[in-house]
Protein backbone atom coordinates (compact mmCIF):
# COMPACT_ATOMS: atom_id res chain seq x y z
CA MET A 1 -52.05 -15.73 26.78
CA CYS A 2 -55.78 -15.52 28.03
CA PRO A 3 -56.20 -18.21 30.75
CA TRP A 4 -59.60 -18.85 30.00
CA ASN A 5 -59.03 -19.30 26.16
CA HIS A 6 -55.64 -21.50 26.97
CA LYS A 7 -57.93 -23.46 29.96
CA PHE A 8 -60.93 -24.07 27.46
CA SER A 9 -59.50 -23.98 24.15
CA ALA A 10 -60.18 -27.07 21.51
CA ALA A 11 -58.28 -27.96 18.71
CA ALA A 12 -60.90 -26.47 15.94
CA THR A 13 -62.02 -29.21 14.11
CA GLU A 14 -62.94 -26.70 10.78
CA THR A 15 -60.58 -27.06 7.57
CA ALA A 16 -61.43 -23.29 7.05
CA PHE A 17 -59.40 -22.57 9.65
CA SER A 18 -57.08 -24.80 9.54
CA PRO A 19 -53.00 -23.95 8.43
CA LEU A 20 -51.67 -24.24 4.93
CA GLU A 21 -49.99 -26.75 4.74
CA ARG A 22 -47.17 -25.18 3.15
CA LEU A 23 -47.44 -23.00 6.19
CA ALA A 24 -47.22 -25.61 8.84
CA ALA A 25 -42.81 -25.97 7.73
CA PRO A 26 -41.16 -26.82 11.59
CA ASP A 27 -38.93 -25.26 11.70
CA ALA A 28 -38.59 -20.72 11.52
CA ARG A 29 -35.57 -21.26 9.54
CA ASP A 30 -37.52 -23.61 6.50
CA LEU A 31 -40.42 -20.87 6.33
CA ALA A 32 -38.32 -18.42 6.02
CA ARG A 33 -36.20 -20.04 2.93
CA ASP A 34 -39.71 -20.36 1.24
CA PHE A 35 -40.42 -16.98 1.28
CA LEU A 36 -37.86 -16.09 0.38
CA ALA A 37 -37.66 -18.45 -2.92
CA THR A 38 -41.38 -17.38 -3.34
CA SER A 39 -41.66 -15.04 -6.45
CA GLN A 40 -44.80 -12.52 -6.59
CA ALA A 41 -47.29 -14.29 -9.03
CA GLU A 42 -46.83 -17.44 -6.74
CA PHE A 43 -47.20 -15.22 -3.55
CA THR A 44 -50.10 -13.76 -4.99
CA LYS A 45 -52.57 -17.16 -5.67
CA THR A 46 -51.71 -18.58 -3.25
CA LEU A 47 -50.82 -16.33 -0.53
CA LYS A 48 -54.40 -13.83 -2.18
CA HIS A 49 -57.48 -13.79 0.61
CA THR A 50 -54.95 -14.74 2.92
CA PRO A 51 -53.53 -12.14 6.42
CA LEU A 52 -50.65 -12.87 5.38
CA SER A 53 -51.27 -10.96 2.05
CA ARG A 54 -51.51 -7.43 4.17
CA ALA A 55 -47.96 -8.09 5.37
CA LYS A 56 -46.89 -8.10 0.91
CA LEU A 57 -44.42 -10.20 -0.27
CA SER A 58 -41.56 -7.58 0.28
CA GLY A 59 -42.46 -7.40 4.10
CA LEU A 60 -42.87 -11.10 4.39
CA LYS A 61 -38.85 -11.46 3.15
CA ARG A 62 -37.53 -8.63 4.91
CA ASN A 63 -39.57 -10.16 8.36
CA ALA A 64 -37.58 -13.82 6.91
CA CYS A 65 -34.01 -11.90 6.26
CA ALA A 66 -34.28 -11.37 9.90
CA VAL A 67 -34.98 -14.22 11.04
CA LEU A 68 -31.70 -15.94 9.26
CA ALA A 69 -30.51 -13.27 10.18
CA ASN A 70 -31.29 -14.49 14.95
CA VAL A 71 -31.52 -18.41 14.00
CA GLY A 72 -29.21 -19.02 10.51
CA THR A 73 -26.31 -20.41 9.97
CA PRO A 74 -23.77 -18.56 9.30
CA THR A 75 -23.93 -19.23 5.07
CA GLU A 76 -27.82 -18.77 4.68
C-alpha cells in the first residue's frame, strides 16, 4: 500500500463507492459459497456494470473453489 494513501486516506462518503451489501460478507468462505450458489441471471442482474462482471461468473466460481480449497473445511 502506498504510504501516502495509508496516512491521508479517508473513508468514502459517496454512496456510489460503498461496497455492495451482498459482497460485504465478513468471511471469505461465506462470500465463496454465495458465488457458487449464484445463477447466471442473478449475477447479471446484481453485478452488471461492476468490475466483477469482467471476471464473469465462471471466473468467480473458479476463484470461489480455490478459496474453499485453501480455507474451507473438509466438507466444503
